[in-house]
Protein backbone atom coordinates (compact mmCIF):
# COMPACT_ATOMS: atom_id res chain seq x y z
CA MET A 1 -0.03 -0.17 -0.02
CA THR A 2 1.54 3.36 -0.66
CA ASP A 3 0.62 7.06 0.64
CA ASP A 4 -1.88 7.33 -2.17
CA ASP A 5 -4.05 4.96 -1.20
CA ASP A 6 -4.47 6.16 1.88
CA THR A 7 -5.95 9.62 -0.34
CA ARG A 8 -8.15 7.78 -2.31
CA PRO A 9 -11.76 6.79 -1.32
CA HIS A 10 -12.62 3.74 -0.12
CA MET A 11 -15.45 1.69 -1.93
CA PRO A 12 -16.52 -1.45 -3.05
CA LEU A 13 -14.95 -2.79 -6.67
CA GLY A 14 -18.70 -3.61 -7.52
CA LEU A 15 -19.07 0.14 -8.05
CA ALA A 16 -16.32 0.91 -10.57
CA GLN A 17 -16.16 1.43 -13.83
CA ARG A 18 -14.20 -0.10 -16.57
CA GLY A 19 -10.75 1.21 -16.85
CA TYR A 20 -10.88 1.50 -12.81
CA THR A 21 -7.65 0.82 -11.56
CA GLY A 22 -7.04 0.40 -7.62
CA VAL A 23 -5.64 -1.90 -4.44
CA ILE A 24 -7.68 -4.02 -2.59
CA GLN A 25 -7.76 -2.90 0.94
CA HIS A 26 -9.72 -5.90 2.43
CA LEU A 27 -12.99 -7.64 2.32
CA SER A 28 -16.33 -6.63 3.86
CA ALA A 29 -19.00 -9.40 2.68
CA LYS A 30 -21.78 -7.68 4.80
CA GLY A 31 -24.78 -6.41 2.97
CA THR A 32 -23.62 -7.40 -0.98
CA GLY A 33 -26.67 -9.42 -1.55
CA SER A 34 -24.71 -12.15 -2.41
CA ALA A 35 -26.40 -15.71 -2.32
CA LEU A 36 -23.26 -16.92 -0.11
CA PRO A 37 -22.82 -16.91 3.11
CA ASP A 38 -20.51 -13.58 4.27
CA ILE A 39 -17.78 -15.79 5.25
CA GLU A 40 -17.84 -18.20 2.39
CA LEU A 41 -17.58 -15.65 0.01
CA GLU A 42 -14.47 -14.04 1.89
CA SER A 43 -13.00 -16.95 1.66
CA ARG A 44 -13.86 -17.67 -2.32
CA LEU A 45 -12.29 -14.33 -3.12
CA ILE A 46 -9.21 -14.78 -1.61
CA GLU A 47 -8.76 -18.24 -3.31
CA LEU A 48 -9.56 -16.42 -6.38
CA GLY A 49 -6.40 -13.67 -5.59
CA PHE A 50 -8.61 -11.10 -3.97
CA VAL A 51 -5.91 -10.17 -1.35
CA GLU A 52 -4.75 -6.93 0.81
CA GLY A 53 -2.46 -5.25 -1.37
CA ALA A 54 -3.35 -6.54 -4.27
CA ARG A 55 -3.64 -4.25 -6.88
CA VAL A 56 -6.81 -4.76 -9.18
CA GLU A 57 -8.34 -3.46 -12.90
CA ILE A 58 -11.53 -3.74 -14.72
CA LEU A 59 -10.89 -4.70 -18.05
CA HIS A 60 -14.69 -5.43 -19.57
CA GLU A 61 -18.10 -5.53 -18.03
CA GLY A 62 -20.77 -7.93 -19.20
CA ILE A 63 -23.19 -5.98 -21.53
CA VAL A 64 -26.46 -6.73 -19.86
CA GLY A 65 -26.33 -4.98 -16.45
CA ARG A 66 -22.75 -4.49 -17.24
CA ASP A 67 -22.53 -7.66 -15.30
CA PRO A 68 -20.03 -9.73 -14.90
CA ILE A 69 -17.52 -7.64 -15.06
CA ALA A 70 -13.76 -9.01 -15.96
CA VAL A 71 -10.79 -8.18 -13.04
CA ARG A 72 -7.06 -8.06 -13.29
CA VAL A 73 -5.96 -9.11 -9.71
CA ASP A 74 -2.06 -8.79 -9.87
CA ASN A 75 -1.12 -11.14 -13.00
CA ILE A 76 -4.40 -12.55 -13.64
CA THR A 77 -7.54 -12.36 -14.98
CA ILE A 78 -11.26 -13.19 -13.55
CA ALA A 79 -14.36 -12.84 -14.25
CA VAL A 80 -16.89 -12.42 -10.71
CA ARG A 81 -20.28 -10.79 -10.46
CA ARG A 82 -20.76 -6.81 -8.86
CA ARG A 83 -22.87 -8.55 -6.09
CA GLU A 84 -20.11 -10.24 -4.89
CA ALA A 85 -17.34 -7.14 -6.22
CA MET A 86 -19.16 -5.36 -3.54
CA ALA A 87 -17.21 -7.08 -0.78
CA ILE A 88 -13.70 -6.22 -2.67
CA ILE A 89 -12.62 -2.59 -1.01
CA VAL A 90 -10.59 -1.14 -2.67
CA ALA A 91 -8.58 2.44 -2.89
């Protein structure tokens, strides 16, 4: 994490638009509306590489409802629903 990350507003990745780049600050699955229990959603996101300090970039958005989104996490690309991406807090 850099000093720039401390001054940028924290927001859920699910609200970001295509082209957004940032750093994962933490995970918070409460109130995301996911069908998965909070702890299971957080565990799955960690397994996919959504960990604190990882750099993220939104590469693509789905045509219908801008969902799902293609996210580059460090050196891998992952498709995730915006609903689940709401648990990924970035700056």
